[in-house]
Amino acid sequence: ADKVAGTPYYFTSTDKLQLTSAKELNAYDGVEMHRTM
């Protein structure tokens, strides 16, 4: 786990919308995870 980190994808902050999005490509073999909040 220490060899790799999550991948920041997009972050923005406006008056009406705050958003963060990132990927995790290494936690499981053959699985790509991408969360956007």
PDB file of all heavy atoms in Angstrom:
ATOM      1  N   ALA A   1       0.822  -1.212   0.000  1.00  0.00           N
ATOM      2  CA  ALA A   1       0.000   0.000   0.000  1.00  0.00           C
ATOM      3  C   ALA A   1       0.852   1.257   0.000  1.00  0.00           C
ATOM      4  O   ALA A   1       0.488   2.278  -0.605  1.00  0.00           O
ATOM      5  CB  ALA A   1      -0.926  -0.009   1.214  1.00  0.00           C
ATOM      6  N   ASP A   2       2.006   1.217   0.674  1.00  0.00           N
ATOM      7  CA  ASP A   2       2.869   2.393   0.777  1.00  0.00           C
ATOM      8  C   ASP A   2       3.578   2.737  -0.538  1.00  0.00           C
ATOM      9  O   ASP A   2       4.069   3.852  -0.700  1.00  0.00           O
ATOM     10  CB  ASP A   2       3.915   2.185   1.870  1.00  0.00           C
ATOM     11  CG  ASP A   2       3.495   2.802   3.197  1.00  0.00           C
ATOM     12  OD1 ASP A   2       2.685   3.754   3.168  1.00  0.00           O
ATOM     13  OD2 ASP A   2       3.949   2.330   4.247  1.00  0.00           O
ATOM     14  N   LYS A   3       3.646   1.775  -1.456  1.00  0.00           N
ATOM     15  CA  LYS A   3       4.369   2.023  -2.708  1.00  0.00           C
ATOM     16  C   LYS A   3       3.605   2.938  -3.650  1.00  0.00           C
ATOM     17  O   LYS A   3       4.196   3.565  -4.528  1.00  0.00           O
ATOM     18  CB  LYS A   3       4.648   0.686  -3.413  1.00  0.00           C
ATOM     19  CG  LYS A   3       5.697  -0.173  -2.738  1.00  0.00           C
ATOM     20  CD  LYS A   3       5.893  -1.480  -3.500  1.00  0.00           C
ATOM     21  CE  LYS A   3       6.932  -2.364  -2.819  1.00  0.00           C
ATOM     22  NZ  LYS A   3       7.086  -3.662  -3.532  1.00  0.00           N
ATOM     23  N   VAL A   4       2.284   3.000  -3.496  1.00  0.00           N
ATOM     24  CA  VAL A   4       1.456   3.765  -4.424  1.00  0.00           C
ATOM     25  C   VAL A   4       0.463   4.611  -3.632  1.00  0.00           C
ATOM     26  O   VAL A   4       0.198   4.347  -2.460  1.00  0.00           O
ATOM     27  CB  VAL A   4       0.701   2.842  -5.400  1.00  0.00           C
ATOM     28  CG1 VAL A   4       1.656   2.176  -6.374  1.00  0.00           C
ATOM     29  CG2 VAL A   4      -0.093   1.788  -4.640  1.00  0.00           C
ATOM     30  N   ALA A   5      -0.076   5.612  -4.301  1.00  0.00           N
ATOM     31  CA  ALA A   5      -1.067   6.489  -3.668  1.00  0.00           C
ATOM     32  C   ALA A   5      -2.308   6.556  -4.539  1.00  0.00           C
ATOM     33  O   ALA A   5      -2.302   6.134  -5.705  1.00  0.00           O
ATOM     34  CB  ALA A   5      -0.488   7.889  -3.472  1.00  0.00           C
ATOM     35  N   GLY A   6      -3.384   7.087  -3.967  1.00  0.00           N
ATOM     36  CA  GLY A   6      -4.555   7.377  -4.772  1.00  0.00           C
ATOM     37  C   GLY A   6      -4.222   8.444  -5.802  1.00  0.00           C
ATOM     38  O   GLY A   6      -3.225   9.160  -5.697  1.00  0.00           O
ATOM     39  N   THR A   7      -5.071   8.548  -6.809  1.00  0.00           N
ATOM     40  CA  THR A   7      -4.834   9.484  -7.905  1.00  0.00           C
ATOM     41  C   THR A   7      -5.869  10.601  -7.883  1.00  0.00           C
ATOM     42  O   THR A   7      -7.037  10.376  -8.227  1.00  0.00           O
ATOM     43  CB  THR A   7      -4.901   8.761  -9.261  1.00  0.00           C
ATOM     44  OG1 THR A   7      -3.971   7.677  -9.268  1.00  0.00           O
ATOM     45  CG2 THR A   7      -4.586   9.713 -10.405  1.00  0.00           C
ATOM     46  N   PRO A   8      -5.491  11.802  -7.460  1.00  0.00           N
ATOM     47  CA  PRO A   8      -6.440  12.919  -7.531  1.00  0.00           C
ATOM     48  C   PRO A   8      -6.872  13.146  -8.977  1.00  0.00           C
ATOM     49  O   PRO A   8      -6.044  13.123  -9.894  1.00  0.00           O
ATOM     50  CB  PRO A   8      -5.625  14.110  -7.009  1.00  0.00           C
ATOM     51  CG  PRO A   8      -4.517  13.507  -6.207  1.00  0.00           C
ATOM     52  CD  PRO A   8      -4.197  12.209  -6.881  1.00  0.00           C
ATOM     53  N   TYR A   9      -8.163  13.329  -9.168  1.00  0.00           N
ATOM     54  CA  TYR A   9      -8.666  13.517 -10.534  1.00  0.00           C
ATOM     55  C   TYR A   9      -9.153  14.952 -10.763  1.00  0.00           C
ATOM     56  O   TYR A   9      -8.706  15.618 -11.692  1.00  0.00           O
ATOM     57  CB  TYR A   9      -9.797  12.524 -10.806  1.00  0.00           C
ATOM     58  CG  TYR A   9     -10.376  12.648 -12.195  1.00  0.00           C
ATOM     59  CD1 TYR A   9      -9.647  12.234 -13.309  1.00  0.00           C
ATOM     60  CD2 TYR A   9     -11.649  13.191 -12.400  1.00  0.00           C
ATOM     61  CE1 TYR A   9     -10.173  12.363 -14.598  1.00  0.00           C
ATOM     62  CE2 TYR A   9     -12.178  13.318 -13.678  1.00  0.00           C
ATOM     63  CZ  TYR A   9     -11.447  12.905 -14.765  1.00  0.00           C
ATOM     64  OH  TYR A   9     -11.959  13.040 -16.044  1.00  0.00           O
ATOM     65  N   TYR A  10     -10.034  15.427  -9.894  1.00  0.00           N
ATOM     66  CA  TYR A  10     -10.572  16.770 -10.121  1.00  0.00           C
ATOM     67  C   TYR A  10     -11.086  17.320  -8.798  1.00  0.00           C
ATOM     68  O   TYR A  10     -11.668  16.601  -7.990  1.00  0.00           O
ATOM     69  CB  TYR A  10     -11.703  16.723 -11.145  1.00  0.00           C
ATOM     70  CG  TYR A  10     -12.217  18.081 -11.564  1.00  0.00           C
ATOM     71  CD1 TYR A  10     -11.453  18.907 -12.390  1.00  0.00           C
ATOM     72  CD2 TYR A  10     -13.460  18.539 -11.145  1.00  0.00           C
ATOM     73  CE1 TYR A  10     -11.910  20.156 -12.775  1.00  0.00           C
ATOM     74  CE2 TYR A  10     -13.935  19.778 -11.532  1.00  0.00           C
ATOM     75  CZ  TYR A  10     -13.154  20.591 -12.339  1.00  0.00           C
ATOM     76  OH  TYR A  10     -13.614  21.828 -12.721  1.00  0.00           O
ATOM     77  N   PHE A  11     -10.851  18.617  -8.586  1.00  0.00           N
ATOM     78  CA  PHE A  11     -11.332  19.296  -7.389  1.00  0.00           C
ATOM     79  C   PHE A  11     -11.771  20.692  -7.787  1.00  0.00           C
ATOM     80  O   PHE A  11     -11.078  21.391  -8.529  1.00  0.00           O
ATOM     81  CB  PHE A  11     -10.225  19.383  -6.338  1.00  0.00           C
ATOM     82  CG  PHE A  11     -10.678  19.976  -5.023  1.00  0.00           C
ATOM     83  CD1 PHE A  11     -11.129  19.157  -3.998  1.00  0.00           C
ATOM     84  CD2 PHE A  11     -10.662  21.351  -4.813  1.00  0.00           C
ATOM     85  CE1 PHE A  11     -11.554  19.687  -2.788  1.00  0.00           C
ATOM     86  CE2 PHE A  11     -11.091  21.898  -3.616  1.00  0.00           C
ATOM     87  CZ  PHE A  11     -11.541  21.053  -2.601  1.00  0.00           C
ATOM     88  N   THR A  12     -12.934  21.102  -7.292  1.00  0.00           N
ATOM     89  CA  THR A  12     -13.396  22.462  -7.574  1.00  0.00           C
ATOM     90  C   THR A  12     -14.275  22.949  -6.430  1.00  0.00           C
ATOM     91  O   THR A  12     -14.895  22.148  -5.717  1.00  0.00           O
ATOM     92  CB  THR A  12     -14.187  22.533  -8.901  1.00  0.00           C
ATOM     93  OG1 THR A  12     -14.425  23.912  -9.241  1.00  0.00           O
ATOM     94  CG2 THR A  12     -15.516  21.816  -8.804  1.00  0.00           C
ATOM     95  N   SER A  13     -14.308  24.251  -6.255  1.00  0.00           N
ATOM     96  CA  SER A  13     -15.135  24.867  -5.230  1.00  0.00           C
ATOM     97  C   SER A  13     -15.739  26.142  -5.799  1.00  0.00           C
ATOM     98  O   SER A  13     -15.013  27.079  -6.146  1.00  0.00           O
ATOM     99  CB  SER A  13     -14.294  25.184  -3.985  1.00  0.00           C
ATOM    100  OG  SER A  13     -15.055  25.859  -3.016  1.00  0.00           O
ATOM    101  N   THR A  14     -17.065  26.167  -5.924  1.00  0.00           N
ATOM    102  CA  THR A  14     -17.783  27.342  -6.410  1.00  0.00           C
ATOM    103  C   THR A  14     -18.824  27.740  -5.370  1.00  0.00           C
ATOM    104  O   THR A  14     -18.964  27.103  -4.320  1.00  0.00           O
ATOM    105  CB  THR A  14     -18.462  27.049  -7.757  1.00  0.00           C
ATOM    106  OG1 THR A  14     -19.530  26.101  -7.555  1.00  0.00           O
ATOM    107  CG2 THR A  14     -17.474  26.472  -8.766  1.00  0.00           C
ATOM    108  N   ASP A  15     -19.576  28.786  -5.661  1.00  0.00           N
ATOM    109  CA  ASP A  15     -20.570  29.261  -4.704  1.00  0.00           C
ATOM    110  C   ASP A  15     -21.639  28.220  -4.409  1.00  0.00           C
ATOM    111  O   ASP A  15     -22.130  28.112  -3.283  1.00  0.00           O
ATOM    112  CB  ASP A  15     -21.237  30.537  -5.224  1.00  0.00           C
ATOM    113  CG  ASP A  15     -20.304  31.737  -5.199  1.00  0.00           C
ATOM    114  OD1 ASP A  15     -19.295  31.665  -4.463  1.00  0.00           O
ATOM    115  OD2 ASP A  15     -20.569  32.715  -5.908  1.00  0.00           O
ATOM    116  N   LYS A  16     -22.030  27.437  -5.406  1.00  0.00           N
ATOM    117  CA  LYS A  16     -23.146  26.503  -5.258  1.00  0.00           C
ATOM    118  C   LYS A  16     -22.739  25.035  -5.277  1.00  0.00           C
ATOM    119  O   LYS A  16     -23.572  24.168  -4.993  1.00  0.00           O
ATOM    120  CB  LYS A  16     -24.166  26.743  -6.387  1.00  0.00           C
ATOM    121  CG  LYS A  16     -24.905  28.065  -6.301  1.00  0.00           C
ATOM    122  CD  LYS A  16     -25.871  28.093  -5.115  1.00  0.00           C
ATOM    123  CE  LYS A  16     -26.716  29.360  -5.100  1.00  0.00           C
ATOM    124  NZ  LYS A  16     -27.673  29.373  -3.966  1.00  0.00           N
ATOM    125  N   LEU A  17     -21.487  24.735  -5.631  1.00  0.00           N
ATOM    126  CA  LEU A  17     -21.077  23.343  -5.768  1.00  0.00           C
ATOM    127  C   LEU A  17     -19.629  23.170  -5.360  1.00  0.00           C
ATOM    128  O   LEU A  17     -18.753  23.897  -5.815  1.00  0.00           O
ATOM    129  CB  LEU A  17     -21.303  22.864  -7.210  1.00  0.00           C
ATOM    130  CG  LEU A  17     -21.013  21.388  -7.515  1.00  0.00           C
ATOM    131  CD1 LEU A  17     -21.987  20.850  -8.558  1.00  0.00           C
ATOM    132  CD2 LEU A  17     -19.581  21.194  -8.023  1.00  0.00           C
ATOM    133  N   GLN A  18     -19.391  22.206  -4.465  1.00  0.00           N
ATOM    134  CA  GLN A  18     -18.038  21.805  -4.082  1.00  0.00           C
ATOM    135  C   GLN A  18     -17.871  20.353  -4.542  1.00  0.00           C
ATOM    136  O   GLN A  18     -18.776  19.539  -4.354  1.00  0.00           O
ATOM    137  CB  GLN A  18     -17.830  21.870  -2.572  1.00  0.00           C
ATOM    138  CG  GLN A  18     -18.628  22.928  -1.848  1.00  0.00           C
ATOM    139  CD  GLN A  18     -18.106  24.319  -2.109  1.00  0.00           C
ATOM    140  OE1 GLN A  18     -16.911  24.532  -2.138  1.00  0.00           O
ATOM    141  NE2 GLN A  18     -19.011  25.274  -2.299  1.00  0.00           N
ATOM    142  N   LEU A  19     -16.715  20.013  -5.118  1.00  0.00           N
ATOM    143  CA  LEU A  19     -16.577  18.674  -5.702  1.00  0.00           C
ATOM    144  C   LEU A  19     -15.155  18.170  -5.554  1.00  0.00           C
ATOM    145  O   LEU A  19     -14.189  18.911  -5.766  1.00  0.00           O
ATOM    146  CB  LEU A  19     -16.976  18.707  -7.181  1.00  0.00           C
ATOM    147  CG  LEU A  19     -17.014  17.398  -7.968  1.00  0.00           C
ATOM    148  CD1 LEU A  19     -18.071  17.461  -9.063  1.00  0.00           C
ATOM    149  CD2 LEU A  19     -15.665  17.048  -8.593  1.00  0.00           C
ATOM    150  N   THR A  20     -15.030  16.893  -5.198  1.00  0.00           N
ATOM    151  CA  THR A  20     -13.738  16.221  -5.201  1.00  0.00           C
ATOM    152  C   THR A  20     -13.899  14.867  -5.871  1.00  0.00           C
ATOM    153  O   THR A  20     -14.924  14.196  -5.710  1.00  0.00           O
ATOM    154  CB  THR A  20     -13.165  16.070  -3.780  1.00  0.00           C
ATOM    155  OG1 THR A  20     -11.842  15.539  -3.855  1.00  0.00           O
ATOM    156  CG2 THR A  20     -14.015  15.167  -2.910  1.00  0.00           C
ATOM    157  N   SER A  21     -12.889  14.472  -6.641  1.00  0.00           N
ATOM    158  CA  SER A  21     -12.968  13.232  -7.409  1.00  0.00           C
ATOM    159  C   SER A  21     -11.577  12.616  -7.483  1.00  0.00           C
ATOM    160  O   SER A  21     -10.583  13.319  -7.675  1.00  0.00           O
ATOM    161  CB  SER A  21     -13.500  13.519  -8.829  1.00  0.00           C
ATOM    162  OG  SER A  21     -13.596  12.332  -9.588  1.00  0.00           O
ATOM    163  N   ALA A  22     -11.497  11.299  -7.303  1.00  0.00           N
ATOM    164  CA  ALA A  22     -10.203  10.625  -7.302  1.00  0.00           C
ATOM    165  C   ALA A  22     -10.360   9.180  -7.756  1.00  0.00           C
ATOM    166  O   ALA A  22     -11.447   8.596  -7.693  1.00  0.00           O
ATOM    167  CB  ALA A  22      -9.573  10.673  -5.912  1.00  0.00           C
ATOM    168  N   LYS A  23      -9.234   8.598  -8.193  1.00  0.00           N
ATOM    169  CA  LYS A  23      -9.207   7.213  -8.641  1.00  0.00           C
ATOM    170  C   LYS A  23      -8.302   6.385  -7.732  1.00  0.00           C
ATOM    171  O   LYS A  23      -7.342   6.896  -7.163  1.00  0.00           O
ATOM    172  CB  LYS A  23      -8.690   7.123 -10.078  1.00  0.00           C
ATOM    173  CG  LYS A  23      -9.551   7.826 -11.112  1.00  0.00           C
ATOM    174  CD  LYS A  23      -9.012   7.596 -12.524  1.00  0.00           C
ATOM    175  CE  LYS A  23      -9.878   8.288 -13.566  1.00  0.00           C
ATOM    176  NZ  LYS A  23      -9.439   7.981 -14.950  1.00  0.00           N
ATOM    177  N   GLU A  24      -8.610   5.096  -7.657  1.00  0.00           N
ATOM    178  CA  GLU A  24      -7.743   4.114  -7.010  1.00  0.00           C
ATOM    179  C   GLU A  24      -7.597   2.933  -7.974  1.00  0.00           C
ATOM    180  O   GLU A  24      -8.572   2.225  -8.254  1.00  0.00           O
ATOM    181  CB  GLU A  24      -8.316   3.666  -5.675  1.00  0.00           C
ATOM    182  CG  GLU A  24      -7.515   2.570  -4.997  1.00  0.00           C
ATOM    183  CD  GLU A  24      -6.028   2.867  -4.930  1.00  0.00           C
ATOM    184  OE1 GLU A  24      -5.657   3.960  -4.448  1.00  0.00           O
ATOM    185  OE2 GLU A  24      -5.235   2.020  -5.384  1.00  0.00           O
ATOM    186  N   LEU A  25      -6.381   2.751  -8.483  1.00  0.00           N
ATOM    187  CA  LEU A  25      -6.127   1.778  -9.540  1.00  0.00           C
ATOM    188  C   LEU A  25      -5.292   0.596  -9.074  1.00  0.00           C
ATOM    189  O   LEU A  25      -5.012  -0.308  -9.877  1.00  0.00           O
ATOM    190  CB  LEU A  25      -5.426   2.467 -10.722  1.00  0.00           C
ATOM    191  CG  LEU A  25      -6.090   3.750 -11.243  1.00  0.00           C
ATOM    192  CD1 LEU A  25      -5.249   4.373 -12.349  1.00  0.00           C
ATOM    193  CD2 LEU A  25      -7.500   3.463 -11.744  1.00  0.00           C
ATOM    194  N   ASN A  26      -4.880   0.597  -7.816  1.00  0.00           N
ATOM    195  CA  ASN A  26      -3.921  -0.402  -7.348  1.00  0.00           C
ATOM    196  C   ASN A  26      -4.381  -1.257  -6.179  1.00  0.00           C
ATOM    197  O   ASN A  26      -3.711  -2.230  -5.833  1.00  0.00           O
ATOM    198  CB  ASN A  26      -2.618   0.300  -6.933  1.00  0.00           C
ATOM    199  CG  ASN A  26      -2.004   1.091  -8.075  1.00  0.00           C
ATOM    200  OD1 ASN A  26      -1.516   0.521  -9.037  1.00  0.00           O
ATOM    201  ND2 ASN A  26      -2.046   2.421  -7.970  1.00  0.00           N
ATOM    202  N   ALA A  27      -5.500  -0.927  -5.555  1.00  0.00           N
ATOM    203  CA  ALA A  27      -5.920  -1.652  -4.349  1.00  0.00           C
ATOM    204  C   ALA A  27      -6.251  -3.103  -4.632  1.00  0.00           C
ATOM    205  O   ALA A  27      -6.032  -3.982  -3.790  1.00  0.00           O
ATOM    206  CB  ALA A  27      -7.120  -0.953  -3.711  1.00  0.00           C
ATOM    207  N   TYR A  28      -6.795  -3.383  -5.839  1.00  0.00           N
ATOM    208  CA  TYR A  28      -7.120  -4.744  -6.261  1.00  0.00           C
ATOM    209  C   TYR A  28      -6.631  -4.954  -7.691  1.00  0.00           C
ATOM    210  O   TYR A  28      -6.772  -4.057  -8.542  1.00  0.00           O
ATOM    211  CB  TYR A  28      -8.638  -4.985  -6.219  1.00  0.00           C
ATOM    212  CG  TYR A  28      -9.276  -4.823  -4.871  1.00  0.00           C
ATOM    213  CD1 TYR A  28     -10.056  -3.696  -4.586  1.00  0.00           C
ATOM    214  CD2 TYR A  28      -9.134  -5.793  -3.891  1.00  0.00           C
ATOM    215  CE1 TYR A  28     -10.666  -3.544  -3.353  1.00  0.00           C
ATOM    216  CE2 TYR A  28      -9.744  -5.654  -2.644  1.00  0.00           C
ATOM    217  CZ  TYR A  28     -10.511  -4.523  -2.384  1.00  0.00           C
ATOM    218  OH  TYR A  28     -11.098  -4.372  -1.160  1.00  0.00           O
ATOM    219  N   ASP A  29      -6.110  -6.118  -7.964  1.00  0.00           N
ATOM    220  CA  ASP A  29      -5.683  -6.441  -9.328  1.00  0.00           C
ATOM    221  C   ASP A  29      -6.898  -6.465 -10.252  1.00  0.00           C
ATOM    222  O   ASP A  29      -7.915  -7.109  -9.966  1.00  0.00           O
ATOM    223  CB  ASP A  29      -4.990  -7.810  -9.371  1.00  0.00           C
ATOM    224  CG  ASP A  29      -3.636  -7.805  -8.681  1.00  0.00           C
ATOM    225  OD1 ASP A  29      -3.075  -6.702  -8.518  1.00  0.00           O
ATOM    226  OD2 ASP A  29      -3.167  -8.889  -8.291  1.00  0.00           O
ATOM    227  N   GLY A  30      -6.774  -5.749 -11.376  1.00  0.00           N
ATOM    228  CA  GLY A  30      -7.825  -5.769 -12.376  1.00  0.00           C
ATOM    229  C   GLY A  30      -9.064  -4.981 -12.037  1.00  0.00           C
ATOM    230  O   GLY A  30     -10.100  -5.124 -12.699  1.00  0.00           O
ATOM    231  N   VAL A  31      -9.002  -4.154 -10.994  1.00  0.00           N
ATOM    232  CA  VAL A  31     -10.164  -3.359 -10.583  1.00  0.00           C
ATOM    233  C   VAL A  31      -9.783  -1.884 -10.576  1.00  0.00           C
ATOM    234  O   VAL A  31      -8.783  -1.492  -9.971  1.00  0.00           O
ATOM    235  CB  VAL A  31     -10.657  -3.767  -9.180  1.00  0.00           C
ATOM    236  CG1 VAL A  31     -11.845  -2.902  -8.752  1.00  0.00           C
ATOM    237  CG2 VAL A  31     -11.033  -5.244  -9.148  1.00  0.00           C
ATOM    238  N   GLU A  32     -10.583  -1.068 -11.263  1.00  0.00           N
ATOM    239  CA  GLU A  32     -10.393   0.382 -11.268  1.00  0.00           C
ATOM    240  C   GLU A  32     -11.561   1.027 -10.536  1.00  0.00           C
ATOM    241  O   GLU A  32     -12.718   0.806 -10.894  1.00  0.00           O
ATOM    242  CB  GLU A  32     -10.297   0.916 -12.696  1.00  0.00           C
ATOM    243  CG  GLU A  32      -9.101   0.400 -13.468  1.00  0.00           C
ATOM    244  CD  GLU A  32      -8.989   1.008 -14.853  1.00  0.00           C
ATOM    245  OE1 GLU A  32      -9.810   1.907 -15.176  1.00  0.00           O
ATOM    246  OE2 GLU A  32      -8.088   0.592 -15.606  1.00  0.00           O
ATOM    247  N   MET A  33     -11.252   1.820  -9.518  1.00  0.00           N
ATOM    248  CA  MET A  33     -12.279   2.491  -8.727  1.00  0.00           C
ATOM    249  C   MET A  33     -12.146   4.004  -8.902  1.00  0.00           C
ATOM    250  O   MET A  33     -11.036   4.533  -8.918  1.00  0.00           O
ATOM    251  CB  MET A  33     -12.150   2.121  -7.247  1.00  0.00           C
ATOM    252  CG  MET A  33     -12.247   0.629  -6.970  1.00  0.00           C
ATOM    253  SD  MET A  33     -12.306   0.208  -5.196  1.00  0.00           S
ATOM    254  CE  MET A  33     -10.652   0.687  -4.672  1.00  0.00           C
ATOM    255  N   HIS A  34     -13.271   4.666  -9.024  1.00  0.00           N
ATOM    256  CA  HIS A  34     -13.281   6.121  -9.203  1.00  0.00           C
ATOM    257  C   HIS A  34     -14.472   6.673  -8.427  1.00  0.00           C
ATOM    258  O   HIS A  34     -15.624   6.350  -8.725  1.00  0.00           O
ATOM    259  CB  HIS A  34     -13.412   6.459 -10.694  1.00  0.00           C
ATOM    260  CG  HIS A  34     -13.215   7.909 -10.993  1.00  0.00           C
ATOM    261  ND1 HIS A  34     -12.973   8.379 -12.275  1.00  0.00           N
ATOM    262  CD2 HIS A  34     -13.211   9.017 -10.208  1.00  0.00           C
ATOM    263  CE1 HIS A  34     -12.833   9.693 -12.249  1.00  0.00           C
ATOM    264  NE2 HIS A  34     -12.991  10.100 -11.001  1.00  0.00           N
ATOM    265  N   ARG A  35     -14.176   7.495  -7.424  1.00  0.00           N
ATOM    266  CA  ARG A  35     -15.248   8.080  -6.609  1.00  0.00           C
ATOM    267  C   ARG A  35     -15.308   9.582  -6.813  1.00  0.00           C
ATOM    268  O   ARG A  35     -14.274  10.259  -6.799  1.00  0.00           O
ATOM    269  CB  ARG A  35     -15.043   7.778  -5.127  1.00  0.00           C
ATOM    270  CG  ARG A  35     -16.258   8.095  -4.264  1.00  0.00           C
ATOM    271  CD  ARG A  35     -16.120   7.580  -2.847  1.00  0.00           C
ATOM    272  NE  ARG A  35     -17.427   7.243  -2.276  1.00  0.00           N
ATOM    273  CZ  ARG A  35     -17.611   6.531  -1.184  1.00  0.00           C
ATOM    274  NH1 ARG A  35     -16.561   6.062  -0.518  1.00  0.00           N
ATOM    275  NH2 ARG A  35     -18.826   6.257  -0.733  1.00  0.00           N
ATOM    276  N   THR A  36     -16.517  10.071  -6.983  1.00  0.00           N
ATOM    277  CA  THR A  36     -16.758  11.508  -7.136  1.00  0.00           C
ATOM    278  C   THR A  36     -17.809  11.925  -6.120  1.00  0.00           C
ATOM    279  O   THR A  36     -18.895  11.330  -6.060  1.00  0.00           O
ATOM    280  CB  THR A  36     -17.248  11.833  -8.559  1.00  0.00           C
ATOM    281  OG1 THR A  36     -16.258  11.418  -9.507  1.00  0.00           O
ATOM    282  CG2 THR A  36     -17.527  13.318  -8.717  1.00  0.00           C
ATOM    283  N   MET A  37     -17.480  12.919  -5.300  1.00  0.00           N
ATOM    284  CA  MET A  37     -18.414  13.416  -4.304  1.00  0.00           C
ATOM    285  C   MET A  37     -18.607  14.915  -4.497  1.00  0.00           C
ATOM    286  O   MET A  37     -17.633  15.654  -4.673  1.00  0.00           O
ATOM    287  CB  MET A  37     -17.914  13.118  -2.889  1.00  0.00           C
ATOM    288  CG  MET A  37     -17.685  11.636  -2.626  1.00  0.00           C
ATOM    289  SD  MET A  37     -17.575  11.227  -0.873  1.00  0.00           S
ATOM    290  CE  MET A  37     -19.305  11.398  -0.387  1.00  0.00           C
TER     291      MET A  37
END
